[in-house]
Protein backbone atom coordinates (compact mmCIF):
# COMPACT_ATOMS: atom_id res chain seq x y z
CA MET A 1 -9.48 64.57 -6.81
CA SER A 2 -9.08 62.07 -9.60
CA GLY A 3 -8.23 62.41 -13.24
CA PHE A 4 -11.03 61.74 -15.75
CA GLN A 5 -10.84 61.18 -19.50
CA TRP A 6 -13.96 62.52 -21.20
CA ARG A 7 -15.47 62.45 -24.68
CA GLY A 8 -18.39 64.56 -25.88
CA ARG A 9 -19.85 66.84 -28.54
CA ASN A 10 -19.77 70.61 -28.61
CA ALA A 11 -22.56 72.98 -29.67
CA ARG A 12 -21.74 72.38 -33.34
CA GLY A 13 -21.99 68.61 -32.93
CA GLN A 14 -18.25 68.06 -33.31
CA LEU A 15 -16.62 65.25 -31.37
CA VAL A 16 -14.23 66.57 -28.70
CA ASN A 17 -12.29 64.94 -25.86
CA GLY A 18 -9.92 65.83 -23.06
CA HIS A 19 -8.69 65.25 -19.53
CA VAL A 20 -9.89 66.99 -16.36
CA GLU A 21 -9.39 66.73 -12.61
CA ALA A 22 -12.58 66.40 -10.55
CA ASP A 23 -14.08 64.73 -7.51
CA SER A 24 -16.48 62.51 -9.47
CA SER A 25 -17.85 61.81 -12.92
CA ASP A 26 -20.97 63.82 -12.08
CA ALA A 27 -18.79 66.85 -11.38
CA VAL A 28 -17.10 66.35 -14.76
CA ALA A 29 -20.50 66.18 -16.47
CA GLU A 30 -21.66 69.39 -14.80
CA GLN A 31 -18.45 71.14 -15.78
CA LEU A 32 -18.83 70.03 -19.41
CA MET A 33 -22.48 71.08 -19.56
CA ARG A 34 -21.48 74.56 -18.39
CA LEU A 35 -19.12 74.66 -21.38
CA ASP A 36 -22.02 73.69 -23.67
CA ILE A 37 -20.51 70.24 -24.27
CA THR A 38 -22.73 67.18 -24.22
CA PRO A 39 -20.78 64.37 -22.51
CA ILE A 40 -20.80 60.97 -24.20
CA GLU A 41 -18.28 59.06 -22.11
CA ILE A 42 -16.50 59.87 -18.83
CA GLN A 43 -13.90 57.47 -17.44
CA GLU A 44 -11.16 57.58 -14.87
CA ALA A 45 -7.70 58.07 -16.36
CA GLU A 46 -6.65 54.45 -15.82
CA ALA A 47 -9.73 53.09 -17.50
CA GLY A 48 -9.33 55.57 -20.31
CA SER A 49 -5.72 54.50 -20.93
CA GLN A 50 -6.89 50.89 -20.89
CA SER A 51 -9.04 51.56 -23.96
CA ALA A 52 -6.20 53.10 -25.98
CA GLY A 53 -5.94 50.03 -28.17
CA ASN A 54 -9.65 50.10 -28.99
CA SER A 55 -9.43 53.84 -29.67
CA LEU A 56 -6.61 53.24 -32.13
CA ARG A 57 -8.62 50.55 -33.91
CA THR A 58 -11.55 52.91 -34.09
CA ARG A 59 -9.44 55.74 -35.55
CA LEU A 60 -8.06 53.37 -38.17
CA GLY A 61 -11.61 52.35 -39.06
CA LEU A 62 -11.02 48.68 -38.25
CA ASP A 63 -14.10 48.46 -36.01
CA ARG A 64 -16.40 50.60 -38.11
CA PRO A 65 -19.80 48.89 -38.58
CA GLY A 66 -20.37 47.38 -41.99
CA VAL A 67 -23.52 47.21 -44.09
CA ASN A 68 -24.50 43.88 -42.52
CA ASP A 69 -24.37 45.42 -39.03
CA LEU A 70 -26.67 48.27 -40.07
CA ILE A 71 -29.03 45.85 -41.83
CA LEU A 72 -29.37 43.81 -38.66
CA PHE A 73 -29.89 46.99 -36.61
CA THR A 74 -32.64 48.33 -38.90
CA ARG A 75 -34.33 44.92 -38.97
CA GLN A 76 -34.32 44.74 -35.17
CA MET A 77 -35.58 48.32 -34.85
CA TYR A 78 -38.39 47.65 -37.34
CA THR A 79 -39.51 44.62 -35.35
CA LEU A 80 -39.35 46.49 -32.03
CA THR A 81 -41.17 49.60 -33.21
CA LYS A 82 -43.83 47.57 -34.99
CA ALA A 83 -44.43 45.51 -31.83
CA GLY A 84 -44.73 48.68 -29.74
CA VAL A 85 -41.76 47.94 -27.48
CA PRO A 86 -40.55 51.08 -25.65
CA LEU A 87 -37.52 52.48 -27.45
CA ILE A 88 -35.16 52.61 -24.48
CA ARG A 89 -35.87 49.05 -23.41
CA GLY A 90 -35.66 47.82 -27.00
CA LEU A 91 -32.37 49.62 -27.65
CA ASN A 92 -30.86 48.16 -24.48
CA ASN A 93 -31.73 44.69 -25.76
CA VAL A 94 -30.30 45.50 -29.18
CA ALA A 95 -27.06 46.79 -27.62
CA GLU A 96 -26.63 43.58 -25.64
CA SER A 97 -26.97 41.45 -28.80
CA THR A 98 -24.70 43.66 -30.98
CA ARG A 99 -21.23 42.21 -31.59
CA ASN A 100 -19.62 45.25 -33.19
CA PRO A 101 -18.13 47.38 -30.37
CA VAL A 102 -18.47 50.69 -32.20
CA LEU A 103 -22.12 50.08 -33.06
CA ARG A 104 -22.81 48.91 -29.52
CA GLN A 105 -21.26 52.10 -28.12
CA ALA A 106 -23.32 54.17 -30.59
CA ILE A 107 -26.51 52.44 -29.41
CA GLU A 108 -25.57 53.07 -25.79
CA ASP A 109 -25.01 56.75 -26.65
CA LEU A 110 -28.42 56.72 -28.30
CA VAL A 111 -30.01 55.33 -25.12
CA ASP A 112 -28.33 58.06 -23.07
CA ALA A 113 -29.68 60.69 -25.44
CA LEU A 114 -33.22 59.32 -25.19
CA GLU A 115 -33.02 59.18 -21.40
CA SER A 116 -31.97 62.84 -21.37
CA GLY A 117 -35.11 63.77 -23.33
CA ARG A 118 -33.69 64.06 -26.83
CA GLU A 119 -35.37 62.64 -29.93
CA LEU A 120 -34.30 59.43 -31.63
CA ALA A 121 -32.95 61.18 -34.74
CA ASP A 122 -30.90 63.57 -32.64
CA GLY A 123 -29.41 60.61 -30.76
CA LEU A 124 -28.48 58.93 -34.03
CA ALA A 125 -26.89 62.15 -35.28
CA GLN A 126 -24.38 61.98 -32.41
CA ASN A 127 -22.45 59.29 -34.33
CA PRO A 128 -22.25 60.37 -37.99
CA ARG A 129 -19.54 57.79 -38.73
CA VAL A 130 -21.98 55.03 -37.77
CA PHE A 131 -25.30 56.49 -38.91
CA PRO A 132 -24.99 58.58 -42.10
CA ASN A 133 -27.01 61.74 -42.67
CA MET A 134 -29.52 59.98 -44.90
CA PHE A 135 -30.16 57.38 -42.21
CA VAL A 136 -30.80 60.11 -39.64
CA SER A 137 -33.06 62.13 -41.98
CA ILE A 138 -35.27 59.15 -42.85
CA VAL A 139 -35.67 58.32 -39.16
CA ARG A 140 -36.42 61.98 -38.37
CA VAL A 141 -39.21 62.08 -40.95
CA GLY A 142 -40.63 58.78 -39.71
CA GLU A 143 -40.44 59.98 -36.13
CA GLY A 144 -42.29 63.19 -36.99
CA SER A 145 -45.00 61.48 -39.03
CA GLY A 146 -45.55 58.60 -36.61
CA ASN A 147 -44.38 55.99 -39.16
CA LEU A 148 -41.08 55.09 -37.55
CA GLU A 149 -41.40 51.39 -38.31
CA GLN A 150 -41.85 52.16 -42.03
CA SER A 151 -38.71 54.28 -41.99
CA PHE A 152 -36.67 51.39 -40.61
CA LEU A 153 -38.29 49.04 -43.11
CA GLN A 154 -37.32 51.31 -46.01
CA LEU A 155 -33.78 51.68 -44.68
CA ASN A 156 -33.50 47.92 -44.31
CA GLY A 157 -34.56 47.33 -47.91
CA TYR A 158 -32.21 50.02 -49.21
CA LEU A 159 -29.22 48.63 -47.28
CA GLU A 160 -29.93 45.07 -48.43
CA LEU A 161 -29.95 46.18 -52.07
CA GLU A 162 -26.69 48.07 -51.49
CA ARG A 163 -25.10 45.00 -49.92
CA ASP A 164 -26.19 42.76 -52.78
CA PHE A 165 -24.78 45.13 -55.38
CA ARG A 166 -21.40 45.33 -53.66
CA ALA A 167 -21.28 41.56 -53.27
CA ARG A 168 -22.03 40.99 -56.96
CA LEU A 169 -19.39 43.50 -58.01
CA LYS A 170 -16.73 41.93 -55.78
CA GLN A 171 -17.59 38.47 -57.03
CA ALA A 172 -17.34 39.56 -60.66
CA LEU A 173 -13.96 41.25 -60.10
CA ARG A 174 -12.47 38.39 -58.07
CA TYR A 175 -11.35 36.30 -61.06
CA PRO A 176 -9.70 39.15 -63.03
CA ALA A 177 -7.97 40.35 -59.86
CA MET A 178 -6.59 36.87 -59.18
CA VAL A 179 -5.29 36.61 -62.76
CA ILE A 180 -3.58 40.00 -62.57
CA VAL A 181 -1.98 39.17 -59.21
CA ALA A 182 -0.74 35.84 -60.61
CA MET A 183 0.78 37.60 -63.62
CA VAL A 184 2.55 40.14 -61.40
CA ILE A 185 3.98 37.35 -59.23
CA ALA A 186 5.12 35.45 -62.32
CA VAL A 187 6.90 38.49 -63.73
CA ALA A 188 8.56 39.15 -60.36
CA ILE A 189 9.85 35.55 -60.22
CA LEU A 190 11.20 35.82 -63.75
CA MET A 191 12.97 39.08 -63.02
CA VAL A 192 14.52 38.01 -59.71
CA TRP A 193 15.45 34.36 -60.32
CA VAL A 194 15.11 33.32 -63.99
CA ILE A 195 16.50 36.23 -65.99
CA PRO A 196 19.79 36.38 -63.98
CA VAL A 197 20.52 32.78 -65.07
CA PHE A 198 20.17 33.73 -68.71
CA ALA A 199 22.21 36.89 -68.13
CA ASN A 200 25.12 34.82 -66.74
CA PHE A 201 24.83 32.44 -69.69
CA PHE A 202 25.05 35.28 -72.20
CA ALA A 203 27.97 36.85 -70.30
CA ARG A 204 30.00 33.60 -70.40
CA HIS A 205 29.56 33.35 -74.17
CA ASP A 206 30.31 37.04 -74.68
CA ALA A 207 27.18 37.32 -76.84
CA GLU A 208 26.09 40.61 -78.33
CA LEU A 209 22.65 41.27 -76.94
CA PRO A 210 19.85 43.04 -78.82
CA LEU A 211 18.17 46.06 -77.28
CA PRO A 212 15.10 44.20 -75.86
CA THR A 213 17.40 41.74 -74.09
CA ARG A 214 19.59 44.49 -72.66
CA ILE A 215 16.48 46.23 -71.28
CA ILE A 216 15.19 43.02 -69.70
CA VAL A 217 18.58 42.14 -68.18
CA ALA A 218 19.07 45.68 -66.84
CA THR A 219 15.58 45.61 -65.32
CA SER A 220 16.29 42.22 -63.75
CA GLU A 221 19.61 43.38 -62.29
CA PHE A 222 18.03 46.49 -60.84
CA THR A 223 15.12 44.50 -59.37
CA SER A 224 17.41 41.87 -57.85
CA GLU A 225 19.75 44.41 -56.27
CA TRP A 226 17.29 47.12 -55.33
CA TRP A 227 14.13 45.08 -54.59
CA TRP A 228 13.69 46.90 -51.28
CA LEU A 229 13.77 50.23 -53.08
CA VAL A 230 11.12 48.96 -55.51
CA LEU A 231 8.88 47.96 -52.61
CA LEU A 232 9.43 51.33 -50.94
CA ALA A 233 8.60 53.12 -54.18
CA ILE A 234 5.39 51.10 -54.58
CA GLY A 235 4.45 51.84 -50.97
CA ALA A 236 5.20 55.54 -51.45
CA LEU A 237 3.07 55.64 -54.60
CA LEU A 238 0.18 53.94 -52.82
CA PHE A 239 0.48 56.36 -49.91
CA ALA A 240 0.62 59.34 -52.27
CA PHE A 241 -2.39 58.02 -54.17
CA ARG A 242 -4.42 57.57 -50.97
CA TYR A 243 -3.44 61.07 -49.86
CA TRP A 244 -4.42 62.48 -53.25
CA ILE A 245 -7.86 60.87 -53.28
CA GLY A 246 -8.29 62.08 -49.71
CA THR A 247 -8.23 65.67 -50.95
CA GLU A 248 -11.38 67.27 -52.32
CA ASN A 249 -9.97 67.86 -55.80
CA GLY A 250 -8.24 64.48 -55.96
CA ARG A 251 -11.36 62.60 -54.90
CA TYR A 252 -13.42 64.40 -57.51
CA ARG A 253 -10.94 63.66 -60.30
CA TRP A 254 -10.49 60.01 -59.30
CA ASP A 255 -14.24 59.43 -59.13
CA ARG A 256 -14.54 60.90 -62.61
CA ILE A 257 -11.67 58.77 -63.93
CA LYS A 258 -13.21 55.60 -62.48
CA LEU A 259 -16.36 56.10 -64.53
CA ARG A 260 -14.26 56.28 -67.74
CA LEU A 261 -12.24 53.10 -67.20
CA PRO A 262 -12.62 50.44 -69.91
CA VAL A 263 -15.31 47.84 -69.18
CA ILE A 264 -15.50 48.41 -65.42
CA GLY A 265 -16.28 52.13 -65.76
CA LYS A 266 -19.66 51.44 -67.37
CA ILE A 267 -20.64 49.10 -64.53
CA LEU A 268 -19.57 51.61 -61.88
CA PHE A 269 -21.56 54.33 -63.62
CA GLU A 270 -24.69 52.21 -63.84
CA GLY A 271 -24.31 51.13 -60.22
CA THR A 272 -23.94 54.75 -59.11
CA MET A 273 -27.02 55.75 -61.09
CA ALA A 274 -28.96 52.90 -59.49
CA ARG A 275 -27.82 54.05 -56.05
CA PHE A 276 -28.85 57.63 -56.89
CA ALA A 277 -32.31 56.66 -58.07
CA ARG A 278 -32.91 54.21 -55.22
CA SER A 279 -31.81 56.63 -52.48
CA PHE A 280 -33.66 59.55 -54.07
CA SER A 281 -36.82 57.45 -54.32
CA MET A 282 -36.54 56.48 -50.66
CA THR A 283 -36.07 60.05 -49.44
CA TYR A 284 -38.89 61.30 -51.68
CA ARG A 285 -41.28 58.58 -50.52
CA SER A 286 -40.37 59.17 -46.89
CA GLY A 287 -41.40 62.81 -47.11
CA VAL A 288 -37.97 64.42 -46.94
CA PRO A 289 -38.11 67.88 -48.58
CA LEU A 290 -36.82 67.81 -52.16
CA ILE A 291 -33.88 70.16 -51.61
CA GLN A 292 -32.78 68.37 -48.46
CA GLY A 293 -33.28 65.00 -50.17
CA LEU A 294 -30.97 65.93 -53.05
CA THR A 295 -28.35 67.12 -50.55
CA LEU A 296 -28.49 63.75 -48.81
CA VAL A 297 -28.44 61.82 -52.10
CA SER A 298 -25.37 63.72 -53.31
CA LYS A 299 -23.47 62.19 -50.39
CA ALA A 300 -25.13 58.78 -50.57
CA VAL A 301 -23.99 58.06 -54.15
CA GLU A 302 -20.37 57.78 -52.87
CA ASN A 303 -19.00 59.45 -55.98
CA GLU A 304 -17.94 63.09 -55.87
CA TYR A 305 -18.38 63.57 -59.62
CA ILE A 306 -21.97 62.32 -59.62
CA GLY A 307 -22.55 64.05 -56.29
CA GLN A 308 -21.57 67.38 -57.81
CA ALA A 309 -24.09 66.80 -60.61
CA VAL A 310 -26.78 66.08 -58.03
CA ASN A 311 -25.86 69.32 -56.22
CA ASP A 312 -26.26 71.11 -59.56
CA MET A 313 -29.76 69.60 -59.79
CA ARG A 314 -30.51 70.97 -56.32
CA THR A 315 -29.31 74.43 -57.38
CA GLY A 316 -31.55 74.32 -60.44
CA ILE A 317 -34.58 73.32 -58.39
CA GLU A 318 -33.86 76.14 -55.94
CA ARG A 319 -34.09 78.49 -58.92
CA GLY A 320 -37.55 77.10 -59.70
CA GLU A 321 -36.71 74.70 -62.53
CA SER A 322 -38.36 71.29 -62.82
CA LEU A 323 -36.72 68.06 -61.73
CA SER A 324 -36.67 66.61 -65.26
CA ARG A 325 -35.06 69.76 -66.70
CA THR A 326 -32.32 69.85 -64.08
CA ALA A 327 -31.71 66.12 -64.58
CA ALA A 328 -31.35 66.65 -68.32
CA ALA A 329 -28.91 69.53 -67.75
CA THR A 330 -26.48 67.21 -65.97
CA GLY A 331 -25.97 65.11 -69.11
CA LEU A 332 -25.75 61.93 -67.00
CA PHE A 333 -29.10 60.28 -67.64
CA SER A 334 -30.29 58.37 -70.68
CA SER A 335 -33.33 59.60 -72.62
CA LEU A 336 -35.41 56.72 -71.23
CA VAL A 337 -34.67 57.70 -67.64
CA LEU A 338 -35.38 61.38 -68.36
CA GLN A 339 -38.74 60.43 -69.85
CA MET A 340 -39.59 58.36 -66.77
CA ILE A 341 -38.73 61.25 -64.44
CA SER A 342 -40.76 63.64 -66.60
CA ILE A 343 -43.77 61.29 -66.52
CA GLY A 344 -43.38 60.99 -62.75
CA GLU A 345 -43.54 64.78 -62.41
CA GLU A 346 -46.64 64.98 -64.61
CA THR A 347 -48.47 62.21 -62.76
CA GLY A 348 -47.24 63.16 -59.28
CA ASP A 349 -45.65 59.73 -58.89
CA VAL A 350 -41.97 60.63 -58.90
CA ASP A 351 -40.92 58.05 -56.32
CA THR A 352 -42.37 55.19 -58.39
CA MET A 353 -40.62 56.41 -61.52
CA LEU A 354 -37.35 56.72 -59.60
CA THR A 355 -37.78 53.17 -58.36
CA GLU A 356 -38.32 52.04 -61.96
CA THR A 357 -35.17 53.95 -62.90
CA ALA A 358 -33.19 52.19 -60.17
CA GLU A 359 -34.49 48.80 -61.30
CA TYR A 360 -33.57 49.64 -64.90
CA TYR A 361 -29.98 50.42 -64.00
CA GLU A 362 -29.80 47.42 -61.65
CA ARG A 363 -30.85 45.14 -64.50
CA GLU A 364 -28.14 46.69 -66.66
CA VAL A 365 -25.59 46.11 -63.89
CA ASP A 366 -26.68 42.49 -63.49
CA TYR A 367 -26.30 41.89 -67.23
CA ASP A 368 -22.88 43.55 -67.40
CA LEU A 369 -21.65 41.70 -64.30
CA ASP A 370 -22.72 38.38 -65.79
CA ASN A 371 -20.67 39.19 -68.89
CA LEU A 372 -17.77 40.90 -67.14
CA SER A 373 -15.47 37.89 -67.21
CA ALA A 374 -16.14 37.37 -70.91
CA LEU A 375 -15.25 41.04 -71.57
CA ILE A 376 -12.10 41.10 -69.44
CA GLU A 377 -10.64 37.75 -70.54
CA PRO A 378 -9.69 38.95 -74.07
CA ILE A 379 -7.93 41.99 -72.55
CA LEU A 380 -5.99 39.78 -70.14
CA LEU A 381 -5.11 37.34 -72.92
CA VAL A 382 -3.79 40.14 -75.13
CA PHE A 383 -1.74 41.55 -72.24
CA LEU A 384 -0.37 38.08 -71.45
CA ALA A 385 0.46 37.48 -75.11
CA VAL A 386 2.36 40.76 -75.34
CA LEU A 387 4.26 39.89 -72.16
CA VAL A 388 5.20 36.44 -73.45
CA LEU A 389 6.27 37.93 -76.80
CA ILE A 390 8.54 40.46 -75.09
CA MET A 391 10.10 37.76 -72.92
CA ALA A 392 10.55 35.45 -75.91
CA LEU A 393 12.18 38.11 -78.07
CA GLY A 394 14.38 39.31 -75.23
CA VAL A 395 15.56 35.89 -73.99
CA PHE A 396 15.36 33.30 -76.74
CA LEU A 397 16.57 35.33 -79.73
CA PRO A 398 20.05 35.79 -78.19
CA MET A 399 20.14 32.06 -77.40
CA TRP A 400 19.50 31.26 -81.03
CA ASP A 401 22.31 33.63 -82.01
CA VAL A 402 24.66 31.89 -79.55
CA GLY A 403 23.58 28.50 -80.90
CA ARG A 404 24.25 29.51 -84.49
CA ALA A 405 27.65 30.94 -83.50
CA ALA A 406 28.56 27.68 -81.72
CA LEU A 407 27.55 25.58 -84.75
CA GLY A 408 29.43 27.87 -87.09
């Protein structure tokens, strides 16, 4: 008997793994099926230990497929389904051309699921970290209605818009981030190398230092002597912050705080509203039931605060209230957007009105991103001016006092 490392999903769909002794991989599969576990991967122990490095990278999220990988996948699947290529053969070709190892493994798992008689959506649902719930639901609706190629086309368009928004936001924030990093480096250089020179100068002349200078010198001495402790403290704070936002309450509070930040908060809010309207429009147009669609959208907005408001909308609709009334109760939407949703309900064209809503917010985001640098520059200049003023008062005023004492 040989040792086998296996990975599979239990009856609840949770990913499980373990080690078992058996005569062959088929025997392992039979044993797992008796335990109501669907095997995904079965390898001999040596081969399993060989992939430990890849498993670590996967757990750290370093190999997780990005938006571009999913865009390429949906584009390929749209082309294959539209051309009438059999799914299994098409997916095998897609897997061979996929560079991302996690996505390739997910496609191979999908092929295995199809070969075992399962539906395409169920195969996608095996890898929730690769294919989100919304992705699976849209495919499920398309699979049931016979419009699978349209589902992949809609997903492709949605993902492309999402990628473009993230790219624009990163580009707009690149310059302010570079300026802030440069300022931090400059202050660190002053504290570690420049200020000690002035401190020695003042000590040799036995000058009486004002309070700002004593604070600056004390800060410099502490930084120079305990720089490693400063770095550890910064690392500990970052770790504590990541742990805090990893909790349910911390994530909710941080997502709410982000939307109230000066300048950038407005852009994040508008971007989240655009994502809400765009994803809601897509699920509505695809035929996903309204309650289920709102549940999916609450997760797709990637903001727990907005997601909670969307869940409140779902609760209101479950009680029999209209979509426009529940949207108004959240207090998140502008009067123009609420009017558009109300008109969509009256005319039976909600998905078109939601698309118009998304385009409205996207135009607002584009305008704000174009003017972001102009809005942030005054704030950075004021901060830099205050920093220079503090350094000037703390360093040069004592030098003038020493100079006057020497001349006297």
